[in-house]
PDB file of N, CA and C in Angstrom:
ATOM      1  N   UNK A   1       1.092 152.488  23.979  1.00  0.00           N
ATOM      2  CA  UNK A   1      -0.255 152.517  23.693  1.00  0.00           C
ATOM      3  C   UNK A   1      -0.895 153.678  24.702  1.00  0.00           C
ATOM      4  N   UNK A   2      -0.217 154.165  25.630  1.00  0.00           N
ATOM      5  CA  UNK A   2      -0.708 155.123  26.490  1.00  0.00           C
ATOM      6  C   UNK A   2      -0.426 156.523  26.160  1.00  0.00           C
ATOM      7  N   UNK A   3       0.580 156.784  25.341  1.00  0.00           N
ATOM      8  CA  UNK A   3       0.809 158.264  25.066  1.00  0.00           C
ATOM      9  C   UNK A   3       0.473 158.668  23.675  1.00  0.00           C
ATOM     10  N   UNK A   4      -0.171 159.849  23.555  1.00  0.00           N
ATOM     11  CA  UNK A   4      -0.440 160.624  22.337  1.00  0.00           C
ATOM     12  C   UNK A   4      -0.330 161.882  22.529  1.00  0.00           C
ATOM     13  N   UNK A   5       0.404 162.768  21.538  1.00  0.00           N
ATOM     14  CA  UNK A   5       0.551 163.952  21.607  1.00  0.00           C
ATOM     15  C   UNK A   5      -0.567 164.891  21.143  1.00  0.00           C
ATOM     16  N   UNK A   6      -0.916 165.809  21.962  1.00  0.00           N
ATOM     17  CA  UNK A   6      -1.985 166.609  21.466  1.00  0.00           C
ATOM     18  C   UNK A   6      -1.436 167.762  20.440  1.00  0.00           C
ATOM     19  N   UNK A   7      -2.458 168.606  20.069  1.00  0.00           N
ATOM     20  CA  UNK A   7      -2.029 169.820  19.122  1.00  0.00           C
ATOM     21  C   UNK A   7      -1.187 170.631  19.938  1.00  0.00           C
ATOM     22  N   UNK A   8      -1.140 170.889  21.100  1.00  0.00           N
ATOM     23  CA  UNK A   8      -0.383 171.832  22.091  1.00  0.00           C
ATOM     24  C   UNK A   8       0.867 171.119  22.466  1.00  0.00           C
ATOM     25  N   UNK A   9       1.002 169.875  22.097  1.00  0.00           N
ATOM     26  CA  UNK A   9       2.428 169.140  22.351  1.00  0.00           C
ATOM     27  C   UNK A   9       2.496 168.429  23.706  1.00  0.00           C
ATOM     28  N   UNK A  10       1.530 168.636  24.676  1.00  0.00           N
ATOM     29  CA  UNK A  10       1.389 167.706  25.846  1.00  0.00           C
ATOM     30  C   UNK A  10       1.037 166.419  25.700  1.00  0.00           C
ATOM     31  N   UNK A  11       1.528 165.540  26.588  1.00  0.00           N
ATOM     32  CA  UNK A  11       1.140 164.099  26.444  1.00  0.00           C
ATOM     33  C   UNK A  11      -0.258 163.849  27.044  1.00  0.00           C
ATOM     34  N   UNK A  12      -0.970 163.217  26.239  1.00  0.00           N
ATOM     35  CA  UNK A  12      -2.488 162.766  26.753  1.00  0.00           C
ATOM     36  C   UNK A  12      -2.536 161.282  26.720  1.00  0.00           C
ATOM     37  N   UNK A  13      -3.257 160.760  27.744  1.00  0.00           N
ATOM     38  CA  UNK A  13      -3.350 159.320  28.003  1.00  0.00           C
ATOM     39  C   UNK A  13      -4.379 158.792  26.898  1.00  0.00           C
ATOM     40  N   UNK A  14      -3.947 157.984  26.092  1.00  0.00           N
ATOM     41  CA  UNK A  14      -5.025 157.332  25.131  1.00  0.00           C
ATOM     42  C   UNK A  14      -5.695 156.333  25.684  1.00  0.00           C
ATOM     43  N   UNK A  15      -5.212 155.327  26.600  1.00  0.00           N
ATOM     44  CA  UNK A  15      -5.891 154.359  27.161  1.00  0.00           C
ATOM     45  C   UNK A  15      -5.491 154.378  28.646  1.00  0.00           C
ATOM     46  N   UNK A  16      -6.286 153.870  29.541  1.00  0.00           N
ATOM     47  CA  UNK A  16      -5.899 153.849  31.037  1.00  0.00           C
ATOM     48  C   UNK A  16      -4.751 152.669  31.379  1.00  0.00           C
ATOM     49  N   UNK A  17      -4.469 151.886  30.318  1.00  0.00           N
ATOM     50  CA  UNK A  17      -3.588 150.779  30.568  1.00  0.00           C
ATOM     51  C   UNK A  17      -2.625 150.683  29.433  1.00  0.00           C
ATOM     52  N   UNK A  18      -1.440 150.087  29.843  1.00  0.00           N
ATOM     53  CA  UNK A  18      -0.482 149.851  28.780  1.00  0.00           C
ATOM     54  C   UNK A  18      -0.068 148.376  28.657  1.00  0.00           C
ATOM     55  N   UNK A  19       0.878 147.991  27.969  1.00  0.00           N
ATOM     56  CA  UNK A  19       1.167 146.513  27.947  1.00  0.00           C
ATOM     57  C   UNK A  19       1.709 145.923  29.209  1.00  0.00           C
ATOM     58  N   UNK A  20       2.672 146.903  29.838  1.00  0.00           N
ATOM     59  CA  UNK A  20       3.155 146.452  31.172  1.00  0.00           C
ATOM     60  C   UNK A  20       2.013 146.102  32.212  1.00  0.00           C
ATOM     61  N   UNK A  21       1.018 147.022  32.286  1.00  0.00           N
ATOM     62  CA  UNK A  21      -0.131 146.887  33.229  1.00  0.00           C
ATOM     63  C   UNK A  21      -0.879 145.585  32.944  1.00  0.00           C
ATOM     64  N   UNK A  22      -1.114 145.251  31.614  1.00  0.00           N
ATOM     65  CA  UNK A  22      -1.759 144.036  31.063  1.00  0.00           C
ATOM     66  C   UNK A  22      -0.957 142.852  31.693  1.00  0.00           C
ATOM     67  N   UNK A  23       0.480 142.915  31.586  1.00  0.00           N
ATOM     68  CA  UNK A  23       1.386 141.907  31.916  1.00  0.00           C
ATOM     69  C   UNK A  23       1.503 141.677  33.163  1.00  0.00           C
ATOM     70  N   UNK A  24       1.169 142.633  34.130  1.00  0.00           N
ATOM     71  CA  UNK A  24       1.397 142.482  35.691  1.00  0.00           C
ATOM     72  C   UNK A  24       0.534 141.304  36.317  1.00  0.00           C
ATOM     73  N   UNK A  25      -0.596 141.085  35.691  1.00  0.00           N
ATOM     74  CA  UNK A  25      -1.516 140.281  36.427  1.00  0.00           C
ATOM     75  C   UNK A  25      -1.627 138.948  35.325  1.00  0.00           C
ATOM     76  N   UNK A  26      -1.249 137.856  35.769  1.00  0.00           N
ATOM     77  CA  UNK A  26      -1.235 136.750  34.962  1.00  0.00           C
ATOM     78  C   UNK A  26      -2.523 136.272  34.469  1.00  0.00           C
ATOM     79  N   UNK A  27      -3.499 136.398  35.052  1.00  0.00           N
ATOM     80  CA  UNK A  27      -4.936 136.151  34.548  1.00  0.00           C
ATOM     81  C   UNK A  27      -5.299 137.216  33.349  1.00  0.00           C
ATOM     82  N   UNK A  28      -5.031 138.408  33.622  1.00  0.00           N
ATOM     83  CA  UNK A  28      -5.274 139.355  32.565  1.00  0.00           C
ATOM     84  C   UNK A  28      -4.471 139.066  31.334  1.00  0.00           C
ATOM     85  N   UNK A  29      -3.012 138.882  31.548  1.00  0.00           N
ATOM     86  CA  UNK A  29      -2.148 138.496  30.534  1.00  0.00           C
ATOM     87  C   UNK A  29      -2.730 137.340  29.750  1.00  0.00           C
ATOM     88  N   UNK A  30      -3.284 136.414  30.451  1.00  0.00           N
ATOM     89  CA  UNK A  30      -3.636 135.111  29.551  1.00  0.00           C
ATOM     90  C   UNK A  30      -4.938 135.571  28.834  1.00  0.00           C
ATOM     91  N   UNK A  31      -5.714 136.228  29.355  1.00  0.00           N
ATOM     92  CA  UNK A  31      -6.874 136.594  28.607  1.00  0.00           C
ATOM     93  C   UNK A  31      -6.595 137.559  27.447  1.00  0.00           C
ATOM     94  N   UNK A  32      -5.684 138.429  27.623  1.00  0.00           N
ATOM     95  CA  UNK A  32      -5.238 139.268  26.468  1.00  0.00           C
ATOM     96  C   UNK A  32      -4.397 138.458  25.329  1.00  0.00           C
ATOM     97  N   UNK A  33      -3.662 137.440  25.890  1.00  0.00           N
ATOM     98  CA  UNK A  33      -3.015 136.610  24.906  1.00  0.00           C
ATOM     99  C   UNK A  33      -3.997 135.894  24.055  1.00  0.00           C
ATOM    100  N   UNK A  34      -5.118 135.339  24.692  1.00  0.00           N
ATOM    101  CA  UNK A  34      -5.994 134.536  24.122  1.00  0.00           C
ATOM    102  C   UNK A  34      -6.791 135.403  23.056  1.00  0.00           C
ATOM    103  N   UNK A  35      -7.107 136.713  23.443  1.00  0.00           N
ATOM    104  CA  UNK A  35      -7.783 137.628  22.436  1.00  0.00           C
ATOM    105  C   UNK A  35      -6.781 137.955  21.320  1.00  0.00           C
ATOM    106  N   UNK A  36      -5.598 138.172  21.643  1.00  0.00           N
ATOM    107  CA  UNK A  36      -4.529 138.451  20.744  1.00  0.00           C
ATOM    108  C   UNK A  36      -4.280 137.347  19.828  1.00  0.00           C
ATOM    109  N   UNK A  37      -4.406 136.095  19.947  1.00  0.00           N
ATOM    110  CA  UNK A  37      -4.288 134.903  19.164  1.00  0.00           C
ATOM    111  C   UNK A  37      -5.528 134.803  18.331  1.00  0.00           C
ATOM    112  N   UNK A  38      -6.546 135.142  18.928  1.00  0.00           N
ATOM    113  CA  UNK A  38      -7.855 134.923  18.149  1.00  0.00           C
ATOM    114  C   UNK A  38      -7.953 135.954  16.969  1.00  0.00           C
ATOM    115  N   UNK A  39      -7.274 137.033  17.286  1.00  0.00           N
ATOM    116  CA  UNK A  39      -7.431 138.363  16.241  1.00  0.00           C
ATOM    117  C   UNK A  39      -6.153 138.441  15.476  1.00  0.00           C
ATOM    118  N   UNK A  40      -5.127 137.697  15.749  1.00  0.00           N
ATOM    119  CA  UNK A  40      -3.837 137.878  15.114  1.00  0.00           C
ATOM    120  C   UNK A  40      -3.062 139.197  15.340  1.00  0.00           C
ATOM    121  N   UNK A  41      -3.344 139.819  16.442  1.00  0.00           N
ATOM    122  CA  UNK A  41      -2.700 141.103  16.797  1.00  0.00           C
ATOM    123  C   UNK A  41      -2.203 141.064  18.257  1.00  0.00           C
ATOM    124  N   UNK A  42      -1.086 141.555  18.553  1.00  0.00           N
ATOM    125  CA  UNK A  42      -0.478 141.500  19.887  1.00  0.00           C
ATOM    126  C   UNK A  42      -0.996 142.895  20.581  1.00  0.00           C
ATOM    127  N   UNK A  43      -2.027 142.690  21.467  1.00  0.00           N
ATOM    128  CA  UNK A  43      -2.395 143.807  22.234  1.00  0.00           C
ATOM    129  C   UNK A  43      -1.660 144.133  23.519  1.00  0.00           C
ATOM    130  N   UNK A  44      -0.509 143.579  23.805  1.00  0.00           N
ATOM    131  CA  UNK A  44       0.350 144.044  24.766  1.00  0.00           C
ATOM    132  C   UNK A  44       1.543 144.858  24.239  1.00  0.00           C
ATOM    133  N   UNK A  45       1.700 144.894  22.858  1.00  0.00           N
ATOM    134  CA  UNK A  45       2.687 145.750  22.268  1.00  0.00           C
ATOM    135  C   UNK A  45       2.199 147.119  22.117  1.00  0.00           C
ATOM    136  N   UNK A  46       2.667 147.933  22.899  1.00  0.00           N
ATOM    137  CA  UNK A  46       2.254 149.358  22.883  1.00  0.00           C
ATOM    138  C   UNK A  46       2.221 150.150  21.771  1.00  0.00           C
ATOM    139  N   UNK A  47       3.420 149.907  20.923  1.00  0.00           N
ATOM    140  CA  UNK A  47       3.811 150.606  19.687  1.00  0.00           C
ATOM    141  C   UNK A  47       2.782 150.218  18.684  1.00  0.00           C
ATOM    142  N   UNK A  48       2.537 148.926  18.447  1.00  0.00           N
ATOM    143  CA  UNK A  48       1.468 148.299  17.565  1.00  0.00           C
ATOM    144  C   UNK A  48       0.172 148.860  17.861  1.00  0.00           C
ATOM    145  N   UNK A  49      -0.328 148.889  19.141  1.00  0.00           N
ATOM    146  CA  UNK A  49      -1.680 149.282  19.440  1.00  0.00           C
ATOM    147  C   UNK A  49      -1.813 150.765  19.206  1.00  0.00           C
ATOM    148  N   UNK A  50      -0.714 151.571  19.475  1.00  0.00           N
ATOM    149  CA  UNK A  50      -0.791 152.962  19.181  1.00  0.00           C
ATOM    150  C   UNK A  50      -1.002 153.251  17.799  1.00  0.00           C
ATOM    151  N   UNK A  51      -0.284 152.583  16.905  1.00  0.00           N
ATOM    152  CA  UNK A  51      -0.360 152.638  15.522  1.00  0.00           C
ATOM    153  C   UNK A  51      -1.720 152.169  15.043  1.00  0.00           C
ATOM    154  N   UNK A  52      -2.224 151.021  15.464  1.00  0.00           N
ATOM    155  CA  UNK A  52      -3.615 150.615  15.164  1.00  0.00           C
ATOM    156  C   UNK A  52      -4.637 151.600  15.375  1.00  0.00           C
ATOM    157  N   UNK A  53      -4.663 152.279  16.684  1.00  0.00           N
ATOM    158  CA  UNK A  53      -5.433 153.336  16.958  1.00  0.00           C
ATOM    159  C   UNK A  53      -5.356 154.434  16.197  1.00  0.00           C
ATOM    160  N   UNK A  54      -4.107 154.836  15.937  1.00  0.00           N
ATOM    161  CA  UNK A  54      -4.089 156.068  14.997  1.00  0.00           C
ATOM    162  C   UNK A  54      -4.563 155.856  13.704  1.00  0.00           C
ATOM    163  N   UNK A  55      -4.489 154.590  13.202  1.00  0.00           N
ATOM    164  CA  UNK A  55      -4.915 154.323  11.806  1.00  0.00           C
ATOM    165  C   UNK A  55      -6.354 154.308  11.716  1.00  0.00           C
ATOM    166  N   UNK A  56      -7.044 153.766  12.717  1.00  0.00           N
ATOM    167  CA  UNK A  56      -8.512 153.570  12.993  1.00  0.00           C
ATOM    168  C   UNK A  56      -9.098 155.170  13.070  1.00  0.00           C
ATOM    169  N   UNK A  57      -8.452 155.821  13.799  1.00  0.00           N
ATOM    170  CA  UNK A  57      -8.931 157.300  14.081  1.00  0.00           C
ATOM    171  C   UNK A  57      -8.889 157.941  12.828  1.00  0.00           C
ATOM    172  N   UNK A  58      -7.913 157.812  12.052  1.00  0.00           N
ATOM    173  CA  UNK A  58      -7.771 158.581  10.683  1.00  0.00           C
ATOM    174  C   UNK A  58      -8.727 157.871   9.698  1.00  0.00           C
ATOM    175  N   UNK A  59      -9.070 156.654   9.755  1.00  0.00           N
ATOM    176  CA  UNK A  59     -10.031 156.089   8.815  1.00  0.00           C
ATOM    177  C   UNK A  59     -11.458 156.561   9.251  1.00  0.00           C
ATOM    178  N   UNK A  60     -11.748 156.661  10.478  1.00  0.00           N
ATOM    179  CA  UNK A  60     -13.118 157.349  11.002  1.00  0.00           C
ATOM    180  C   UNK A  60     -13.179 158.675  10.631  1.00  0.00           C
ATOM    181  N   UNK A  61     -12.176 159.616  10.894  1.00  0.00           N
ATOM    182  CA  UNK A  61     -12.339 160.933  10.501  1.00  0.00           C
ATOM    183  C   UNK A  61     -12.466 161.106   8.987  1.00  0.00           C
ATOM    184  N   UNK A  62     -11.685 160.324   8.191  1.00  0.00           N
ATOM    185  CA  UNK A  62     -11.923 160.415   6.706  1.00  0.00           C
ATOM    186  C   UNK A  62     -13.377 159.938   6.345  1.00  0.00           C
ATOM    187  N   UNK A  63     -14.015 159.045   6.919  1.00  0.00           N
ATOM    188  CA  UNK A  63     -15.325 158.430   6.655  1.00  0.00           C
ATOM    189  C   UNK A  63     -16.360 159.571   7.069  1.00  0.00           C
ATOM    190  N   UNK A  64     -16.151 160.435   8.214  1.00  0.00           N
ATOM    191  CA  UNK A  64     -17.157 161.354   8.462  1.00  0.00           C
ATOM    192  C   UNK A  64     -16.961 162.466   7.548  1.00  0.00           C
ATOM    193  N   UNK A  65     -16.118 162.576   6.604  1.00  0.00           N
ATOM    194  CA  UNK A  65     -16.056 163.689   5.738  1.00  0.00           C
ATOM    195  C   UNK A  65     -16.520 163.331   4.190  1.00  0.00           C
ATOM    196  N   UNK A  66     -17.059 162.225   4.185  1.00  0.00           N
ATOM    197  CA  UNK A  66     -17.588 161.745   2.903  1.00  0.00           C
ATOM    198  C   UNK A  66     -18.950 162.434   2.549  1.00  0.00           C
ATOM    199  N   UNK A  67     -19.181 162.552   1.389  1.00  0.00           N
ATOM    200  CA  UNK A  67     -20.412 163.094   0.995  1.00  0.00           C
ATOM    201  C   UNK A  67     -21.682 162.702   1.567  1.00  0.00           C
ATOM    202  N   UNK A  68     -21.652 161.372   1.971  1.00  0.00           N
ATOM    203  CA  UNK A  68     -22.927 160.723   2.749  1.00  0.00           C
ATOM    204  C   UNK A  68     -23.137 161.268   3.816  1.00  0.00           C
ATOM    205  N   UNK A  69     -22.149 161.571   4.572  1.00  0.00           N
ATOM    206  CA  UNK A  69     -22.215 162.062   5.828  1.00  0.00           C
ATOM    207  C   UNK A  69     -22.793 163.626   5.866  1.00  0.00           C
ATOM    208  N   UNK A  70     -22.180 164.328   4.887  1.00  0.00           N
ATOM    209  CA  UNK A  70     -22.601 165.784   4.894  1.00  0.00           C
ATOM    210  C   UNK A  70     -24.068 165.819   4.321  1.00  0.00           C
ATOM    211  N   UNK A  71     -24.344 164.987   3.361  1.00  0.00           N
ATOM    212  CA  UNK A  71     -25.863 164.984   2.947  1.00  0.00           C
ATOM    213  C   UNK A  71     -26.830 164.648   3.851  1.00  0.00           C
ATOM    214  N   UNK A  72     -26.218 163.510   4.641  1.00  0.00           N
ATOM    215  CA  UNK A  72     -27.289 163.038   5.622  1.00  0.00           C
ATOM    216  C   UNK A  72     -27.531 164.140   6.705  1.00  0.00           C
ATOM    217  N   UNK A  73     -26.481 164.848   7.187  1.00  0.00           N
ATOM    218  CA  UNK A  73     -26.602 165.904   8.080  1.00  0.00           C
ATOM    219  C   UNK A  73     -27.623 167.048   7.622  1.00  0.00           C
ATOM    220  N   UNK A  74     -27.321 167.354   6.192  1.00  0.00           N
ATOM    221  CA  UNK A  74     -28.213 168.371   5.646  1.00  0.00           C
ATOM    222  C   UNK A  74     -29.724 167.861   5.555  1.00  0.00           C
ATOM    223  N   UNK A  75     -29.853 166.575   5.148  1.00  0.00           N
ATOM    224  CA  UNK A  75     -31.283 166.138   5.038  1.00  0.00           C
ATOM    225  C   UNK A  75     -31.880 166.021   6.458  1.00  0.00           C
ATOM    226  N   UNK A  76     -31.195 165.628   7.579  1.00  0.00           N
ATOM    227  CA  UNK A  76     -31.621 165.700   8.865  1.00  0.00           C
ATOM    228  C   UNK A  76     -32.159 167.042   9.350  1.00  0.00           C
ATOM    229  N   UNK A  77     -31.144 167.974   9.043  1.00  0.00           N
ATOM    230  CA  UNK A  77     -31.532 169.514   9.260  1.00  0.00           C
ATOM    231  C   UNK A  77     -32.886 169.909   8.645  1.00  0.00           C
ATOM    232  N   UNK A  78     -32.928 169.598   7.424  1.00  0.00           N
ATOM    233  CA  UNK A  78     -33.999 169.930   6.581  1.00  0.00           C
ATOM    234  C   UNK A  78     -35.258 169.300   7.277  1.00  0.00           C
ATOM    235  N   UNK A  79     -35.232 168.009   7.449  1.00  0.00           N
ATOM    236  CA  UNK A  79     -36.377 167.342   7.970  1.00  0.00           C
ATOM    237  C   UNK A  79     -36.853 167.758   9.139  1.00  0.00           C
ATOM    238  N   UNK A  80     -35.885 168.357  10.149  1.00  0.00           N
ATOM    239  CA  UNK A  80     -36.246 168.845  11.503  1.00  0.00           C
ATOM    240  C   UNK A  80     -36.761 170.314  11.396  1.00  0.00           C
ATOM    241  N   UNK A  81     -36.192 171.233  10.400  1.00  0.00           N
ATOM    242  CA  UNK A  81     -36.757 172.510  10.395  1.00  0.00           C
ATOM    243  C   UNK A  81     -37.996 172.691   9.336  1.00  0.00           C
ATOM    244  N   UNK A  82     -38.255 171.647   8.633  1.00  0.00           N
ATOM    245  CA  UNK A  82     -39.496 171.821   7.746  1.00  0.00           C
ATOM    246  C   UNK A  82     -40.786 171.929   8.551  1.00  0.00           C
ATOM    247  N   UNK A  83     -40.902 171.242   9.589  1.00  0.00           N
ATOM    248  CA  UNK A  83     -42.247 171.405  10.230  1.00  0.00           C
ATOM    249  C   UNK A  83     -42.417 172.912  10.958  1.00  0.00           C
ATOM    250  N   UNK A  84     -41.271 173.448  11.143  1.00  0.00           N
ATOM    251  CA  UNK A  84     -41.473 174.767  11.607  1.00  0.00           C
ATOM    252  C   UNK A  84     -41.568 175.868  10.671  1.00  0.00           C
ATOM    253  N   UNK A  85     -41.077 175.593   9.400  1.00  0.00           N
ATOM    254  CA  UNK A  85     -41.238 176.740   8.343  1.00  0.00           C
ATOM    255  C   UNK A  85     -42.355 176.506   7.613  1.00  0.00           C
ATOM    256  N   UNK A  86     -42.985 175.308   7.446  1.00  0.00           N
ATOM    257  CA  UNK A  86     -44.180 175.103   6.600  1.00  0.00           C
ATOM    258  C   UNK A  86     -45.350 175.933   7.158  1.00  0.00           C
ATOM    259  N   UNK A  87     -45.561 176.034   8.416  1.00  0.00           N
ATOM    260  CA  UNK A  87     -46.826 176.906   8.860  1.00  0.00           C
ATOM    261  C   UNK A  87     -46.716 178.391   8.655  1.00  0.00           C
ATOM    262  N   UNK A  88     -45.396 178.805   8.392  1.00  0.00           N
ATOM    263  CA  UNK A  88     -45.110 180.148   8.209  1.00  0.00           C
ATOM    264  C   UNK A  88     -45.444 180.711   6.729  1.00  0.00           C
ATOM    265  N   UNK A  89     -45.555 179.581   5.746  1.00  0.00           N
ATOM    266  CA  UNK A  89     -45.811 179.911   4.372  1.00  0.00           C
ATOM    267  C   UNK A  89     -47.406 179.944   4.178  1.00  0.00           C
ATOM    268  N   UNK A  90     -48.039 180.914   3.735  1.00  0.00           N
ATOM    269  CA  UNK A  90     -49.408 180.886   3.657  1.00  0.00           C
ATOM    270  C   UNK A  90     -49.986 179.989   2.570  1.00  0.00           C
ATOM    271  N   UNK A  91     -49.169 179.727   1.669  1.00  0.00           N
ATOM    272  CA  UNK A  91     -49.643 179.042   0.583  1.00  0.00           C
ATOM    273  C   UNK A  91     -49.587 177.409   0.874  1.00  0.00           C
ATOM    274  N   UNK A  92     -48.785 177.045   1.818  1.00  0.00           N
ATOM    275  CA  UNK A  92     -48.782 175.690   2.347  1.00  0.00           C
ATOM    276  C   UNK A  92     -49.624 175.441   3.368  1.00  0.00           C
ATOM    277  N   UNK A  93     -50.349 176.477   4.111  1.00  0.00           N
ATOM    278  CA  UNK A  93     -51.148 175.977   5.189  1.00  0.00           C
ATOM    279  C   UNK A  93     -52.571 175.355   4.826  1.00  0.00           C
ATOM    280  N   UNK A  94     -52.853 175.418   3.483  1.00  0.00           N
ATOM    281  CA  UNK A  94     -54.087 174.679   3.154  1.00  0.00           C
ATOM    282  C   UNK A  94     -53.730 173.338   3.029  1.00  0.00           C
ATOM    283  N   UNK A  95     -52.416 172.964   2.880  1.00  0.00           N
ATOM    284  CA  UNK A  95     -51.919 171.460   2.701  1.00  0.00           C
ATOM    285  C   UNK A  95     -50.998 171.228   3.881  1.00  0.00           C
ATOM    286  N   UNK A  96     -51.317 171.520   4.878  1.00  0.00           N
ATOM    287  CA  UNK A  96     -50.373 171.409   6.256  1.00  0.00           C
ATOM    288  C   UNK A  96     -49.992 170.111   6.425  1.00  0.00           C
ATOM    289  N   UNK A  97     -51.039 169.033   6.513  1.00  0.00           N
ATOM    290  CA  UNK A  97     -50.533 167.699   6.781  1.00  0.00           C
ATOM    291  C   UNK A  97     -49.700 167.083   5.698  1.00  0.00           C
ATOM    292  N   UNK A  98     -50.060 167.482   4.493  1.00  0.00           N
ATOM    293  CA  UNK A  98     -49.133 166.852   3.249  1.00  0.00           C
ATOM    294  C   UNK A  98     -47.763 167.477   3.395  1.00  0.00           C
ATOM    295  N   UNK A  99     -47.628 168.659   3.612  1.00  0.00           N
ATOM    296  CA  UNK A  99     -46.276 169.250   3.892  1.00  0.00           C
ATOM    297  C   UNK A  99     -45.432 168.829   4.944  1.00  0.00           C
ATOM    298  N   UNK A 100     -46.122 168.635   6.114  1.00  0.00           N
ATOM    299  CA  UNK A 100     -45.605 168.191   7.299  1.00  0.00           C
ATOM    300  C   UNK A 100     -45.195 166.704   7.082  1.00  0.00           C
ATOM    301  N   UNK A 101     -46.078 165.961   6.538  1.00  0.00           N
ATOM    302  CA  UNK A 101     -45.648 164.461   6.130  1.00  0.00           C
ATOM    303  C   UNK A 101     -44.501 164.303   5.162  1.00  0.00           C
ATOM    304  N   UNK A 102     -44.468 165.383   4.305  1.00  0.00           N
ATOM    305  CA  UNK A 102     -43.195 165.331   3.500  1.00  0.00           C
ATOM    306  C   UNK A 102     -41.814 165.645   4.171  1.00  0.00           C
ATOM    307  N   UNK A 103     -42.034 166.224   5.326  1.00  0.00           N
ATOM    308  CA  UNK A 103     -40.681 166.583   6.168  1.00  0.00           C
ATOM    309  C   UNK A 103     -40.214 165.229   6.685  1.00  0.00           C
ATOM    310  N   UNK A 104     -40.970 164.144   6.792  1.00  0.00           N
ATOM    311  CA  UNK A 104     -40.491 162.923   7.217  1.00  0.00           C
ATOM    312  C   UNK A 104     -39.533 162.210   6.152  1.00  0.00           C
ATOM    313  N   UNK A 105     -39.550 162.538   4.964  1.00  0.00           N
ATOM    314  CA  UNK A 105     -38.824 161.855   3.898  1.00  0.00           C
ATOM    315  C   UNK A 105     -37.410 162.281   4.051  1.00  0.00           C
ATOM    316  N   UNK A 106     -37.078 163.604   4.094  1.00  0.00           N
ATOM    317  CA  UNK A 106     -35.664 163.882   4.336  1.00  0.00           C
ATOM    318  C   UNK A 106     -35.041 163.601   5.580  1.00  0.00           C
ATOM    319  N   UNK A 107     -35.970 163.532   6.689  1.00  0.00           N
ATOM    320  CA  UNK A 107     -35.452 163.070   7.899  1.00  0.00           C
ATOM    321  C   UNK A 107     -35.150 161.498   8.002  1.00  0.00           C
ATOM    322  N   UNK A 108     -35.842 160.682   7.347  1.00  0.00           N
ATOM    323  CA  UNK A 108     -35.605 159.225   7.175  1.00  0.00           C
ATOM    324  C   UNK A 108     -34.304 159.048   6.311  1.00  0.00           C
ATOM    325  N   UNK A 109     -34.272 159.786   5.241  1.00  0.00           N
ATOM    326  CA  UNK A 109     -33.108 159.576   4.268  1.00  0.00           C
ATOM    327  C   UNK A 109     -31.907 160.097   4.897  1.00  0.00           C
ATOM    328  N   UNK A 110     -32.102 161.255   5.616  1.00  0.00           N
ATOM    329  CA  UNK A 110     -30.834 161.918   6.448  1.00  0.00           C
ATOM    330  C   UNK A 110     -30.378 160.815   7.541  1.00  0.00           C
ATOM    331  N   UNK A 111     -31.213 160.467   8.359  1.00  0.00           N
ATOM    332  CA  UNK A 111     -30.796 159.438   9.415  1.00  0.00           C
ATOM    333  C   UNK A 111     -30.128 158.148   8.695  1.00  0.00           C
ATOM    334  N   UNK A 112     -30.607 157.684   7.645  1.00  0.00           N
ATOM    335  CA  UNK A 112     -30.064 156.492   7.088  1.00  0.00           C
ATOM    336  C   UNK A 112     -28.630 156.847   6.495  1.00  0.00           C
ATOM    337  N   UNK A 113     -28.514 158.007   5.847  1.00  0.00           N
ATOM    338  CA  UNK A 113     -27.147 158.433   5.240  1.00  0.00           C
ATOM    339  C   UNK A 113     -26.142 158.672   6.515  1.00  0.00           C
ATOM    340  N   UNK A 114     -26.510 159.163   7.508  1.00  0.00           N
ATOM    341  CA  UNK A 114     -25.694 159.444   8.710  1.00  0.00           C
ATOM    342  C   UNK A 114     -25.263 158.026   9.416  1.00  0.00           C
ATOM    343  N   UNK A 115     -26.232 157.216   9.511  1.00  0.00           N
ATOM    344  CA  UNK A 115     -25.799 155.798   9.958  1.00  0.00           C
ATOM    345  C   UNK A 115     -25.067 155.031   9.047  1.00  0.00           C
ATOM    346  N   UNK A 116     -25.225 155.188   7.824  1.00  0.00           N
ATOM    347  CA  UNK A 116     -24.425 154.608   6.812  1.00  0.00           C
ATOM    348  C   UNK A 116     -23.019 155.153   6.819  1.00  0.00           C
ATOM    349  N   UNK A 117     -22.770 156.449   6.899  1.00  0.00           N
ATOM    350  CA  UNK A 117     -21.445 156.992   6.897  1.00  0.00           C
ATOM    351  C   UNK A 117     -20.632 156.626   8.297  1.00  0.00           C
ATOM    352  N   UNK A 118     -21.474 156.578   9.334  1.00  0.00           N
ATOM    353  CA  UNK A 118     -20.881 156.257  10.528  1.00  0.00           C
ATOM    354  C   UNK A 118     -20.341 154.764  10.774  1.00  0.00           C
ATOM    355  N   UNK A 119     -21.177 153.894  10.220  1.00  0.00           N
ATOM    356  CA  UNK A 119     -21.085 152.391  10.329  1.00  0.00           C
ATOM    357  C   UNK A 119     -20.108 151.818   9.341  1.00  0.00           C
ATOM    358  N   UNK A 120     -20.029 152.362   8.199  1.00  0.00           N
ATOM    359  CA  UNK A 120     -19.127 151.795   7.110  1.00  0.00           C
ATOM    360  C   UNK A 120     -17.711 152.134   7.304  1.00  0.00           C
TER     361      UNK A 120
END
């Protein structure tokens, strides 16, 4: 559970505790075993926890590369930049409030897409 190798090859601590540290205190061990029983997973098994964390990290990285995440970031960027670009266009200055109000739509949609991509 503690060790992970970085791209450079050195060992990096993944978590500040391992199974032996959890088992050292009987109260902590009892609590960890209760949680392990409830979730059907042995949190004192360093190998299993390392594999679980690696799998969850891969799933999160894959989720962040989905089209919803990219489109969300682009929509947020457009929604944030539009209020600064609209006043520069002379044709839009007559309809400034409508154009600035329209900037809210991509911002709201973008935030929703980013939140969806991050939480699913």
